[in-house]
Amino acid sequence: MKNCADERKKTMPSYEDGTVVVDTPEGIEMYRRLAIRSALRLEVMGFQGRGQVFGLAKDIVSSYGEIPKGTKKAVLAQLEELL
């Protein structure tokens, strides 16, 4: 499994005032993955979404070579570990 913490630091420069600039394709993709993880986290807590987040989260887990598990909670745990 690949941990993306170092990759995230390289692709998202921050400034002293707290501003973060995402201006590379890798940074934009990482932001998208983090947004999907956050949306899935809200769905696991009981908020209702549009129903697309679970499928997108499973696609992200698959892109890392893992087999996504069957429940939202299990896929969220996998995402937490990968991202």
C-alpha atoms as a PDB file:
ATOM      1  CA  MET A   1       0.000   0.000   0.000  1.00  0.00           C
ATOM      2  CA  LYS A   2       1.154   3.459  -0.889  1.00  0.00           C
ATOM      3  CA  ASN A   3       0.849   6.260   1.647  1.00  0.00           C
ATOM      4  CA  CYS A   4       0.194   9.631   0.015  1.00  0.00           C
ATOM      5  CA  ALA A   5       1.168  11.970   2.884  1.00  0.00           C
ATOM      6  CA  ASP A   6       4.554  12.809   1.332  1.00  0.00           C
ATOM      7  CA  GLU A   7       3.023  13.189  -2.111  1.00  0.00           C
ATOM      8  CA  ARG A   8       0.364  15.525  -0.682  1.00  0.00           C
ATOM      9  CA  LYS A   9       3.059  17.744   0.876  1.00  0.00           C
ATOM     10  CA  LYS A  10       4.851  18.026  -2.483  1.00  0.00           C
ATOM     11  CA  THR A  11       1.756  18.896  -4.489  1.00  0.00           C
ATOM     12  CA  MET A  12       0.046  21.367  -2.143  1.00  0.00           C
ATOM     13  CA  PRO A  13       2.264  24.319  -1.242  1.00  0.00           C
ATOM     14  CA  SER A  14       1.019  26.443   1.641  1.00  0.00           C
ATOM     15  CA  TYR A  15       1.813  29.955   2.695  1.00  0.00           C
ATOM     16  CA  GLU A  16       2.172  31.664   6.069  1.00  0.00           C
ATOM     17  CA  ASP A  17      -1.365  33.078   5.936  1.00  0.00           C
ATOM     18  CA  GLY A  18      -2.826  29.555   5.607  1.00  0.00           C
ATOM     19  CA  THR A  19      -3.547  29.758   1.897  1.00  0.00           C
ATOM     20  CA  VAL A  20      -3.123  26.517  -0.030  1.00  0.00           C
ATOM     21  CA  VAL A  21      -2.616  26.570  -3.793  1.00  0.00           C
ATOM     22  CA  VAL A  22      -3.451  23.466  -5.774  1.00  0.00           C
ATOM     23  CA  ASP A  23      -2.158  24.071  -9.277  1.00  0.00           C
ATOM     24  CA  THR A  24      -0.844  20.768 -10.575  1.00  0.00           C
ATOM     25  CA  PRO A  25      -2.785  17.815 -11.996  1.00  0.00           C
ATOM     26  CA  GLU A  26      -1.465  15.644  -9.152  1.00  0.00           C
ATOM     27  CA  GLY A  27      -2.558  18.178  -6.548  1.00  0.00           C
ATOM     28  CA  ILE A  28      -6.003  18.516  -8.066  1.00  0.00           C
ATOM     29  CA  GLU A  29      -6.432  14.738  -8.100  1.00  0.00           C
ATOM     30  CA  MET A  30      -5.318  14.519  -4.461  1.00  0.00           C
ATOM     31  CA  TYR A  31      -7.805  17.250  -3.510  1.00  0.00           C
ATOM     32  CA  ARG A  32     -10.560  15.308  -5.303  1.00  0.00           C
ATOM     33  CA  ARG A  33      -9.668  12.124  -3.411  1.00  0.00           C
ATOM     34  CA  LEU A  34      -9.638  13.946  -0.076  1.00  0.00           C
ATOM     35  CA  ALA A  35     -13.023  15.530  -0.857  1.00  0.00           C
ATOM     36  CA  ILE A  36     -14.487  12.116  -1.685  1.00  0.00           C
ATOM     37  CA  ARG A  37     -13.072  10.710   1.562  1.00  0.00           C
ATOM     38  CA  SER A  38     -14.665  13.567   3.512  1.00  0.00           C
ATOM     39  CA  ALA A  39     -18.019  13.071   1.795  1.00  0.00           C
ATOM     40  CA  LEU A  40     -17.937   9.339   2.539  1.00  0.00           C
ATOM     41  CA  ARG A  41     -17.075  10.108   6.176  1.00  0.00           C
ATOM     42  CA  LEU A  42     -20.226  12.267   6.370  1.00  0.00           C
ATOM     43  CA  GLU A  43     -22.341   9.514   4.808  1.00  0.00           C
ATOM     44  CA  VAL A  44     -21.028   6.989   7.344  1.00  0.00           C
ATOM     45  CA  MET A  45     -22.059   9.408  10.119  1.00  0.00           C
ATOM     46  CA  GLY A  46     -25.605   9.422   8.733  1.00  0.00           C
ATOM     47  CA  PHE A  47     -25.783  12.376   6.369  1.00  0.00           C
ATOM     48  CA  GLN A  48     -27.427  11.656   3.057  1.00  0.00           C
ATOM     49  CA  GLY A  49     -25.507  12.355  -0.098  1.00  0.00           C
ATOM     50  CA  ARG A  50     -26.248  11.957  -3.762  1.00  0.00           C
ATOM     51  CA  GLY A  51     -25.359   8.276  -3.797  1.00  0.00           C
ATOM     52  CA  GLN A  52     -22.263   8.638  -5.993  1.00  0.00           C
ATOM     53  CA  VAL A  53     -19.627   8.894  -3.280  1.00  0.00           C
ATOM     54  CA  PHE A  54     -19.498   5.209  -2.353  1.00  0.00           C
ATOM     55  CA  GLY A  55     -18.805   4.170  -5.954  1.00  0.00           C
ATOM     56  CA  LEU A  56     -16.150   6.854  -6.386  1.00  0.00           C
ATOM     57  CA  ALA A  57     -14.494   5.804  -3.117  1.00  0.00           C
ATOM     58  CA  LYS A  58     -14.422   2.187  -4.265  1.00  0.00           C
ATOM     59  CA  ASP A  59     -12.784   3.311  -7.523  1.00  0.00           C
ATOM     60  CA  ILE A  60     -10.067   5.142  -5.562  1.00  0.00           C
ATOM     61  CA  VAL A  61      -9.359   2.065  -3.436  1.00  0.00           C
ATOM     62  CA  SER A  62      -9.174  -0.035  -6.614  1.00  0.00           C
ATOM     63  CA  SER A  63      -6.707   2.415  -8.166  1.00  0.00           C
ATOM     64  CA  TYR A  64      -4.261   1.582  -5.350  1.00  0.00           C
ATOM     65  CA  GLY A  65      -4.475  -2.125  -6.194  1.00  0.00           C
ATOM     66  CA  GLU A  66      -6.692  -3.004  -3.244  1.00  0.00           C
ATOM     67  CA  ILE A  67      -9.987  -4.831  -3.415  1.00  0.00           C
ATOM     68  CA  PRO A  68     -12.673  -2.534  -1.981  1.00  0.00           C
ATOM     69  CA  LYS A  69     -14.727  -3.992   0.839  1.00  0.00           C
ATOM     70  CA  GLY A  70     -18.516  -4.146   0.748  1.00  0.00           C
ATOM     71  CA  THR A  71     -19.659  -1.519   3.244  1.00  0.00           C
ATOM     72  CA  LYS A  72     -19.233   2.239   3.380  1.00  0.00           C
ATOM     73  CA  LYS A  73     -17.571   1.987   6.775  1.00  0.00           C
ATOM     74  CA  ALA A  74     -15.053  -0.609   5.543  1.00  0.00           C
ATOM     75  CA  VAL A  75     -14.234   1.371   2.392  1.00  0.00           C
ATOM     76  CA  LEU A  76     -13.778   4.503   4.516  1.00  0.00           C
ATOM     77  CA  ALA A  77     -11.287   2.620   6.690  1.00  0.00           C
ATOM     78  CA  GLN A  78      -9.395   1.577   3.558  1.00  0.00           C
ATOM     79  CA  LEU A  79      -9.332   5.170   2.306  1.00  0.00           C
ATOM     80  CA  GLU A  80      -8.104   6.439   5.671  1.00  0.00           C
ATOM     81  CA  GLU A  81      -5.233   3.973   5.466  1.00  0.00           C
ATOM     82  CA  LEU A  82      -4.350   4.778   1.844  1.00  0.00           C
ATOM     83  CA  LEU A  83      -4.642   8.556   2.010  1.00  0.00           C
END
